[in-house]
């Protein structure tokens, strides 16, 4: 007997946009950032660069969010702050 995996846990590819929006909101991200994530992965047919299918969109979302937050932190550092490190 085949069982369907529950929706919203990261396994459904492609994910429902509302699930992505909720997840990004829970992580403190904007609706636009969620939309950018969806647009990017839809353009790539929910596959990695090598053509392998993405199996867990939340894992990819976490990487996406990490990149955004990392870039924001770097923009906050002033050149004079490097002397303090």
PDB file of N, CA and C in Angstrom:
ATOM      1  N   UNK A   1       0.844  -1.176   0.000  1.00  0.00           N
ATOM      2  CA  UNK A   1       0.000   0.000   0.000  1.00  0.00           C
ATOM      3  C   UNK A   1       0.889   1.239   0.000  1.00  0.00           C
ATOM      4  N   UNK A   2       0.691   2.095  -0.965  1.00  0.00           N
ATOM      5  CA  UNK A   2       1.479   3.329  -1.068  1.00  0.00           C
ATOM      6  C   UNK A   2       0.922   4.377  -0.115  1.00  0.00           C
ATOM      7  N   UNK A   3       1.832   5.067   0.535  1.00  0.00           N
ATOM      8  CA  UNK A   3       1.403   6.151   1.414  1.00  0.00           C
ATOM      9  C   UNK A   3       1.958   7.457   0.889  1.00  0.00           C
ATOM     10  N   UNK A   4       1.162   8.475   0.970  1.00  0.00           N
ATOM     11  CA  UNK A   4       1.611   9.801   0.562  1.00  0.00           C
ATOM     12  C   UNK A   4       2.316  10.463   1.727  1.00  0.00           C
ATOM     13  N   UNK A   5       3.414  11.125   1.420  1.00  0.00           N
ATOM     14  CA  UNK A   5       4.118  11.863   2.464  1.00  0.00           C
ATOM     15  C   UNK A   5       3.306  13.108   2.797  1.00  0.00           C
ATOM     16  N   UNK A   6       3.283  13.499   4.055  1.00  0.00           N
ATOM     17  CA  UNK A   6       2.543  14.699   4.428  1.00  0.00           C
ATOM     18  C   UNK A   6       3.114  15.937   3.742  1.00  0.00           C
ATOM     19  N   UNK A   7       2.261  16.858   3.423  1.00  0.00           N
ATOM     20  CA  UNK A   7       2.682  18.098   2.777  1.00  0.00           C
ATOM     21  C   UNK A   7       3.246  19.071   3.806  1.00  0.00           C
ATOM     22  N   UNK A   8       4.168  19.922   3.354  1.00  0.00           N
ATOM     23  CA  UNK A   8       4.675  20.998   4.189  1.00  0.00           C
ATOM     24  C   UNK A   8       5.898  20.659   5.012  1.00  0.00           C
ATOM     25  N   UNK A   9       6.405  19.429   4.889  1.00  0.00           N
ATOM     26  CA  UNK A   9       7.567  19.033   5.679  1.00  0.00           C
ATOM     27  C   UNK A   9       8.867  19.106   4.895  1.00  0.00           C
ATOM     28  N   UNK A  10       8.807  19.569   3.657  1.00  0.00           N
ATOM     29  CA  UNK A  10      10.012  19.723   2.861  1.00  0.00           C
ATOM     30  C   UNK A  10      10.181  18.672   1.796  1.00  0.00           C
ATOM     31  N   UNK A  11       9.340  17.632   1.816  1.00  0.00           N
ATOM     32  CA  UNK A  11       9.525  16.530   0.878  1.00  0.00           C
ATOM     33  C   UNK A  11       8.765  16.719  -0.424  1.00  0.00           C
ATOM     34  N   UNK A  12       7.677  17.445  -0.393  1.00  0.00           N
ATOM     35  CA  UNK A  12       6.878  17.615  -1.606  1.00  0.00           C
ATOM     36  C   UNK A  12       7.559  18.557  -2.579  1.00  0.00           C
ATOM     37  N   UNK A  13       7.911  18.038  -3.744  1.00  0.00           N
ATOM     38  CA  UNK A  13       8.580  18.846  -4.761  1.00  0.00           C
ATOM     39  C   UNK A  13       7.714  18.832  -6.005  1.00  0.00           C
ATOM     40  N   UNK A  14       7.319  19.951  -6.546  1.00  0.00           N
ATOM     41  CA  UNK A  14       7.555  21.287  -5.988  1.00  0.00           C
ATOM     42  C   UNK A  14       6.643  21.546  -4.788  1.00  0.00           C
ATOM     43  N   UNK A  15       7.121  22.368  -3.873  1.00  0.00           N
ATOM     44  CA  UNK A  15       6.292  22.676  -2.706  1.00  0.00           C
ATOM     45  C   UNK A  15       5.160  23.628  -3.075  1.00  0.00           C
ATOM     46  N   UNK A  16       4.142  23.616  -2.263  1.00  0.00           N
ATOM     47  CA  UNK A  16       3.095  24.612  -2.445  1.00  0.00           C
ATOM     48  C   UNK A  16       3.662  25.973  -2.052  1.00  0.00           C
ATOM     49  N   UNK A  17       3.398  27.001  -2.841  1.00  0.00           N
ATOM     50  CA  UNK A  17       3.931  28.327  -2.512  1.00  0.00           C
ATOM     51  C   UNK A  17       3.573  28.790  -1.098  1.00  0.00           C
ATOM     52  N   UNK A  18       2.391  28.458  -0.633  1.00  0.00           N
ATOM     53  CA  UNK A  18       1.998  28.885   0.715  1.00  0.00           C
ATOM     54  C   UNK A  18       2.885  28.238   1.771  1.00  0.00           C
ATOM     55  N   UNK A  19       3.316  27.005   1.542  1.00  0.00           N
ATOM     56  CA  UNK A  19       4.212  26.343   2.493  1.00  0.00           C
ATOM     57  C   UNK A  19       5.565  27.048   2.540  1.00  0.00           C
ATOM     58  N   UNK A  20       6.045  27.454   1.374  1.00  0.00           N
ATOM     59  CA  UNK A  20       7.321  28.178   1.323  1.00  0.00           C
ATOM     60  C   UNK A  20       7.174  29.531   2.013  1.00  0.00           C
ATOM     61  N   UNK A  21       6.086  30.226   1.741  1.00  0.00           N
ATOM     62  CA  UNK A  21       5.865  31.533   2.365  1.00  0.00           C
ATOM     63  C   UNK A  21       5.786  31.411   3.885  1.00  0.00           C
ATOM     64  N   UNK A  22       5.079  30.409   4.359  1.00  0.00           N
ATOM     65  CA  UNK A  22       4.967  30.198   5.810  1.00  0.00           C
ATOM     66  C   UNK A  22       6.342  29.901   6.400  1.00  0.00           C
ATOM     67  N   UNK A  23       7.100  29.032   5.741  1.00  0.00           N
ATOM     68  CA  UNK A  23       8.417  28.666   6.255  1.00  0.00           C
ATOM     69  C   UNK A  23       9.341  29.883   6.317  1.00  0.00           C
ATOM     70  N   UNK A  24       9.359  30.666   5.245  1.00  0.00           N
ATOM     71  CA  UNK A  24      10.206  31.856   5.236  1.00  0.00           C
ATOM     72  C   UNK A  24       9.752  32.844   6.310  1.00  0.00           C
ATOM     73  N   UNK A  25       8.457  32.986   6.496  1.00  0.00           N
ATOM     74  CA  UNK A  25       7.941  33.865   7.543  1.00  0.00           C
ATOM     75  C   UNK A  25       8.390  33.379   8.922  1.00  0.00           C
ATOM     76  N   UNK A  26       8.335  32.083   9.144  1.00  0.00           N
ATOM     77  CA  UNK A  26       8.773  31.516  10.424  1.00  0.00           C
ATOM     78  C   UNK A  26      10.256  31.781  10.677  1.00  0.00           C
ATOM     79  N   UNK A  27      11.017  31.905   9.606  1.00  0.00           N
ATOM     80  CA  UNK A  27      12.454  32.154   9.734  1.00  0.00           C
ATOM     81  C   UNK A  27      12.771  33.651   9.771  1.00  0.00           C
ATOM     82  N   UNK A  28      11.730  34.483   9.771  1.00  0.00           N
ATOM     83  CA  UNK A  28      11.931  35.927   9.841  1.00  0.00           C
ATOM     84  C   UNK A  28      12.270  36.569   8.507  1.00  0.00           C
ATOM     85  N   UNK A  29      11.954  35.881   7.429  1.00  0.00           N
ATOM     86  CA  UNK A  29      12.266  36.383   6.098  1.00  0.00           C
ATOM     87  C   UNK A  29      11.007  36.995   5.474  1.00  0.00           C
ATOM     88  N   UNK A  30      11.195  37.715   4.379  1.00  0.00           N
ATOM     89  CA  UNK A  30      10.075  38.400   3.744  1.00  0.00           C
ATOM     90  C   UNK A  30       9.377  37.508   2.719  1.00  0.00           C
ATOM     91  N   UNK A  31       8.188  37.932   2.363  1.00  0.00           N
ATOM     92  CA  UNK A  31       7.428  37.229   1.328  1.00  0.00           C
ATOM     93  C   UNK A  31       8.155  37.312  -0.014  1.00  0.00           C
ATOM     94  N   UNK A  32       8.825  38.434  -0.262  1.00  0.00           N
ATOM     95  CA  UNK A  32       9.580  38.596  -1.510  1.00  0.00           C
ATOM     96  C   UNK A  32      10.742  37.609  -1.575  1.00  0.00           C
ATOM     97  N   UNK A  33      11.405  37.388  -0.454  1.00  0.00           N
ATOM     98  CA  UNK A  33      12.508  36.424  -0.435  1.00  0.00           C
ATOM     99  C   UNK A  33      11.994  35.013  -0.708  1.00  0.00           C
ATOM    100  N   UNK A  34      10.818  34.700  -0.194  1.00  0.00           N
ATOM    101  CA  UNK A  34      10.203  33.399  -0.477  1.00  0.00           C
ATOM    102  C   UNK A  34       9.866  33.290  -1.962  1.00  0.00           C
ATOM    103  N   UNK A  35       9.326  34.361  -2.522  1.00  0.00           N
ATOM    104  CA  UNK A  35       8.979  34.362  -3.944  1.00  0.00           C
ATOM    105  C   UNK A  35      10.229  34.215  -4.813  1.00  0.00           C
ATOM    106  N   UNK A  36      11.320  34.873  -4.418  1.00  0.00           N
ATOM    107  CA  UNK A  36      12.578  34.752  -5.165  1.00  0.00           C
ATOM    108  C   UNK A  36      13.099  33.317  -5.123  1.00  0.00           C
ATOM    109  N   UNK A  37      12.987  32.689  -3.965  1.00  0.00           N
ATOM    110  CA  UNK A  37      13.404  31.294  -3.809  1.00  0.00           C
ATOM    111  C   UNK A  37      12.604  30.394  -4.749  1.00  0.00           C
ATOM    112  N   UNK A  38      11.290  30.549  -4.733  1.00  0.00           N
ATOM    113  CA  UNK A  38      10.427  29.731  -5.594  1.00  0.00           C
ATOM    114  C   UNK A  38      10.758  29.966  -7.060  1.00  0.00           C
ATOM    115  N   UNK A  39      10.885  31.225  -7.441  1.00  0.00           N
ATOM    116  CA  UNK A  39      11.169  31.561  -8.839  1.00  0.00           C
ATOM    117  C   UNK A  39      12.483  30.927  -9.297  1.00  0.00           C
ATOM    118  N   UNK A  40      13.502  31.005  -8.454  1.00  0.00           N
ATOM    119  CA  UNK A  40      14.809  30.437  -8.798  1.00  0.00           C
ATOM    120  C   UNK A  40      14.711  28.928  -9.027  1.00  0.00           C
ATOM    121  N   UNK A  41      14.097  28.232  -8.093  1.00  0.00           N
ATOM    122  CA  UNK A  41      14.055  26.777  -8.205  1.00  0.00           C
ATOM    123  C   UNK A  41      13.060  26.292  -9.254  1.00  0.00           C
ATOM    124  N   UNK A  42      12.011  27.061  -9.505  1.00  0.00           N
ATOM    125  CA  UNK A  42      11.116  26.709 -10.612  1.00  0.00           C
ATOM    126  C   UNK A  42      11.855  26.831 -11.942  1.00  0.00           C
ATOM    127  N   UNK A  43      12.673  27.882 -12.064  1.00  0.00           N
ATOM    128  CA  UNK A  43      13.446  28.076 -13.296  1.00  0.00           C
ATOM    129  C   UNK A  43      14.426  26.929 -13.523  1.00  0.00           C
ATOM    130  N   UNK A  44      14.862  26.308 -12.434  1.00  0.00           N
ATOM    131  CA  UNK A  44      15.793  25.177 -12.521  1.00  0.00           C
ATOM    132  C   UNK A  44      15.082  23.832 -12.406  1.00  0.00           C
ATOM    133  N   UNK A  45      13.761  23.856 -12.521  1.00  0.00           N
ATOM    134  CA  UNK A  45      12.945  22.642 -12.505  1.00  0.00           C
ATOM    135  C   UNK A  45      13.153  21.815 -11.231  1.00  0.00           C
ATOM    136  N   UNK A  46      13.421  22.497 -10.122  1.00  0.00           N
ATOM    137  CA  UNK A  46      13.616  21.859  -8.818  1.00  0.00           C
ATOM    138  C   UNK A  46      14.682  20.771  -8.882  1.00  0.00           C
ATOM    139  N   UNK A  47      15.787  21.115  -9.578  1.00  0.00           N
ATOM    140  CA  UNK A  47      16.935  20.214  -9.641  1.00  0.00           C
ATOM    141  C   UNK A  47      18.194  20.985  -9.258  1.00  0.00           C
ATOM    142  N   UNK A  48      19.227  20.229  -8.866  1.00  0.00           N
ATOM    143  CA  UNK A  48      20.537  20.815  -8.608  1.00  0.00           C
ATOM    144  C   UNK A  48      21.214  21.104  -9.937  1.00  0.00           C
ATOM    145  N   UNK A  49      22.334  21.791  -9.894  1.00  0.00           N
ATOM    146  CA  UNK A  49      23.058  22.157 -11.114  1.00  0.00           C
ATOM    147  C   UNK A  49      23.404  20.932 -11.961  1.00  0.00           C
ATOM    148  N   UNK A  50      23.693  19.813 -11.336  1.00  0.00           N
ATOM    149  CA  UNK A  50      24.050  18.601 -12.068  1.00  0.00           C
ATOM    150  C   UNK A  50      22.857  17.822 -12.598  1.00  0.00           C
ATOM    151  N   UNK A  51      21.655  18.312 -12.344  1.00  0.00           N
ATOM    152  CA  UNK A  51      20.460  17.645 -12.842  1.00  0.00           C
ATOM    153  C   UNK A  51      19.783  16.727 -11.843  1.00  0.00           C
ATOM    154  N   UNK A  52      20.403  16.527 -10.687  1.00  0.00           N
ATOM    155  CA  UNK A  52      19.788  15.685  -9.657  1.00  0.00           C
ATOM    156  C   UNK A  52      18.558  16.395  -9.087  1.00  0.00           C
ATOM    157  N   UNK A  53      17.475  15.675  -8.899  1.00  0.00           N
ATOM    158  CA  UNK A  53      16.286  16.321  -8.333  1.00  0.00           C
ATOM    159  C   UNK A  53      16.484  16.686  -6.861  1.00  0.00           C
ATOM    160  N   UNK A  54      15.945  17.813  -6.493  1.00  0.00           N
ATOM    161  CA  UNK A  54      15.963  18.232  -5.095  1.00  0.00           C
ATOM    162  C   UNK A  54      14.965  17.359  -4.352  1.00  0.00           C
ATOM    163  N   UNK A  55      15.371  16.840  -3.220  1.00  0.00           N
ATOM    164  CA  UNK A  55      14.503  15.953  -2.449  1.00  0.00           C
ATOM    165  C   UNK A  55      13.887  16.642  -1.235  1.00  0.00           C
ATOM    166  N   UNK A  56      14.535  17.691  -0.753  1.00  0.00           N
ATOM    167  CA  UNK A  56      14.057  18.373   0.453  1.00  0.00           C
ATOM    168  C   UNK A  56      14.185  19.878   0.237  1.00  0.00           C
ATOM    169  N   UNK A  57      13.087  20.529  -0.087  1.00  0.00           N
ATOM    170  CA  UNK A  57      13.157  21.956  -0.391  1.00  0.00           C
ATOM    171  C   UNK A  57      13.508  22.779   0.838  1.00  0.00           C
ATOM    172  N   UNK A  58      13.185  22.295   2.029  1.00  0.00           N
ATOM    173  CA  UNK A  58      13.523  23.060   3.234  1.00  0.00           C
ATOM    174  C   UNK A  58      15.036  23.113   3.449  1.00  0.00           C
ATOM    175  N   UNK A  59      15.716  22.067   3.083  1.00  0.00           N
ATOM    176  CA  UNK A  59      17.179  22.086   3.168  1.00  0.00           C
ATOM    177  C   UNK A  59      17.729  23.181   2.253  1.00  0.00           C
ATOM    178  N   UNK A  60      17.183  23.266   1.055  1.00  0.00           N
ATOM    179  CA  UNK A  60      17.614  24.307   0.119  1.00  0.00           C
ATOM    180  C   UNK A  60      17.195  25.691   0.610  1.00  0.00           C
ATOM    181  N   UNK A  61      16.023  25.774   1.215  1.00  0.00           N
ATOM    182  CA  UNK A  61      15.562  27.055   1.764  1.00  0.00           C
ATOM    183  C   UNK A  61      16.490  27.525   2.877  1.00  0.00           C
ATOM    184  N   UNK A  62      16.941  26.599   3.704  1.00  0.00           N
ATOM    185  CA  UNK A  62      17.868  26.965   4.781  1.00  0.00           C
ATOM    186  C   UNK A  62      19.172  27.520   4.218  1.00  0.00           C
ATOM    187  N   UNK A  63      19.671  26.903   3.158  1.00  0.00           N
ATOM    188  CA  UNK A  63      20.890  27.410   2.510  1.00  0.00           C
ATOM    189  C   UNK A  63      20.637  28.796   1.924  1.00  0.00           C
ATOM    190  N   UNK A  64      19.486  28.978   1.302  1.00  0.00           N
ATOM    191  CA  UNK A  64      19.098  30.252   0.695  1.00  0.00           C
ATOM    192  C   UNK A  64      19.048  31.345   1.769  1.00  0.00           C
ATOM    193  N   UNK A  65      18.399  31.036   2.874  1.00  0.00           N
ATOM    194  CA  UNK A  65      18.259  31.988   3.978  1.00  0.00           C
ATOM    195  C   UNK A  65      19.627  32.307   4.572  1.00  0.00           C
ATOM    196  N   UNK A  66      20.466  31.294   4.737  1.00  0.00           N
ATOM    197  CA  UNK A  66      21.811  31.500   5.267  1.00  0.00           C
ATOM    198  C   UNK A  66      22.588  32.484   4.391  1.00  0.00           C
ATOM    199  N   UNK A  67      22.482  32.320   3.082  1.00  0.00           N
ATOM    200  CA  UNK A  67      23.184  33.221   2.160  1.00  0.00           C
ATOM    201  C   UNK A  67      22.681  34.656   2.306  1.00  0.00           C
ATOM    202  N   UNK A  68      21.388  34.824   2.444  1.00  0.00           N
ATOM    203  CA  UNK A  68      20.821  36.168   2.618  1.00  0.00           C
ATOM    204  C   UNK A  68      21.329  36.795   3.910  1.00  0.00           C
ATOM    205  N   UNK A  69      21.254  36.038   4.991  1.00  0.00           N
ATOM    206  CA  UNK A  69      21.675  36.570   6.286  1.00  0.00           C
ATOM    207  C   UNK A  69      23.173  36.842   6.322  1.00  0.00           C
ATOM    208  N   UNK A  70      23.951  35.982   5.694  1.00  0.00           N
ATOM    209  CA  UNK A  70      25.402  36.196   5.641  1.00  0.00           C
ATOM    210  C   UNK A  70      25.727  37.475   4.885  1.00  0.00           C
ATOM    211  N   UNK A  71      25.045  37.684   3.767  1.00  0.00           N
ATOM    212  CA  UNK A  71      25.279  38.895   2.975  1.00  0.00           C
ATOM    213  C   UNK A  71      24.875  40.136   3.764  1.00  0.00           C
ATOM    214  N   UNK A  72      23.788  40.053   4.503  1.00  0.00           N
ATOM    215  CA  UNK A  72      23.353  41.198   5.306  1.00  0.00           C
ATOM    216  C   UNK A  72      24.372  41.510   6.395  1.00  0.00           C
ATOM    217  N   UNK A  73      24.931  40.496   7.019  1.00  0.00           N
ATOM    218  CA  UNK A  73      25.926  40.722   8.067  1.00  0.00           C
ATOM    219  C   UNK A  73      27.182  41.362   7.504  1.00  0.00           C
ATOM    220  N   UNK A  74      27.620  40.937   6.330  1.00  0.00           N
ATOM    221  CA  UNK A  74      28.808  41.527   5.725  1.00  0.00           C
ATOM    222  C   UNK A  74      28.576  42.984   5.364  1.00  0.00           C
ATOM    223  N   UNK A  75      27.370  43.322   4.953  1.00  0.00           N
ATOM    224  CA  UNK A  75      27.083  44.714   4.600  1.00  0.00           C
ATOM    225  C   UNK A  75      27.097  45.615   5.828  1.00  0.00           C
ATOM    226  N   UNK A  76      26.846  45.044   7.003  1.00  0.00           N
ATOM    227  CA  UNK A  76      26.820  45.845   8.226  1.00  0.00           C
ATOM    228  C   UNK A  76      28.209  46.149   8.759  1.00  0.00           C
ATOM    229  N   UNK A  77      29.199  45.373   8.346  1.00  0.00           N
ATOM    230  CA  UNK A  77      30.554  45.571   8.857  1.00  0.00           C
ATOM    231  C   UNK A  77      31.206  46.735   8.117  1.00  0.00           C
ATOM    232  N   UNK A  78      31.723  47.682   8.860  1.00  0.00           N
ATOM    233  CA  UNK A  78      32.440  48.818   8.278  1.00  0.00           C
ATOM    234  C   UNK A  78      33.906  48.424   8.103  1.00  0.00           C
ATOM    235  N   UNK A  79      34.577  48.991   7.119  1.00  0.00           N
ATOM    236  CA  UNK A  79      36.000  48.664   6.930  1.00  0.00           C
ATOM    237  C   UNK A  79      36.830  48.880   8.192  1.00  0.00           C
ATOM    238  N   UNK A  80      36.475  49.861   8.991  1.00  0.00           N
ATOM    239  CA  UNK A  80      37.243  50.119  10.214  1.00  0.00           C
ATOM    240  C   UNK A  80      37.035  49.026  11.252  1.00  0.00           C
ATOM    241  N   UNK A  81      35.947  48.255  11.128  1.00  0.00           N
ATOM    242  CA  UNK A  81      35.678  47.176  12.076  1.00  0.00           C
ATOM    243  C   UNK A  81      36.677  46.031  11.941  1.00  0.00           C
ATOM    244  N   UNK A  82      37.319  45.898  10.783  1.00  0.00           N
ATOM    245  CA  UNK A  82      38.267  44.808  10.593  1.00  0.00           C
ATOM    246  C   UNK A  82      39.480  44.964  11.509  1.00  0.00           C
ATOM    247  N   UNK A  83      39.776  46.190  11.908  1.00  0.00           N
ATOM    248  CA  UNK A  83      40.891  46.409  12.829  1.00  0.00           C
ATOM    249  C   UNK A  83      40.590  45.848  14.214  1.00  0.00           C
ATOM    250  N   UNK A  84      39.311  45.673  14.520  1.00  0.00           N
ATOM    251  CA  UNK A  84      38.899  45.185  15.833  1.00  0.00           C
ATOM    252  C   UNK A  84      38.860  43.661  15.900  1.00  0.00           C
ATOM    253  N   UNK A  85      38.922  43.023  14.756  1.00  0.00           N
ATOM    254  CA  UNK A  85      38.799  41.557  14.721  1.00  0.00           C
ATOM    255  C   UNK A  85      40.115  40.917  15.091  1.00  0.00           C
TER     256      UNK A  85
END
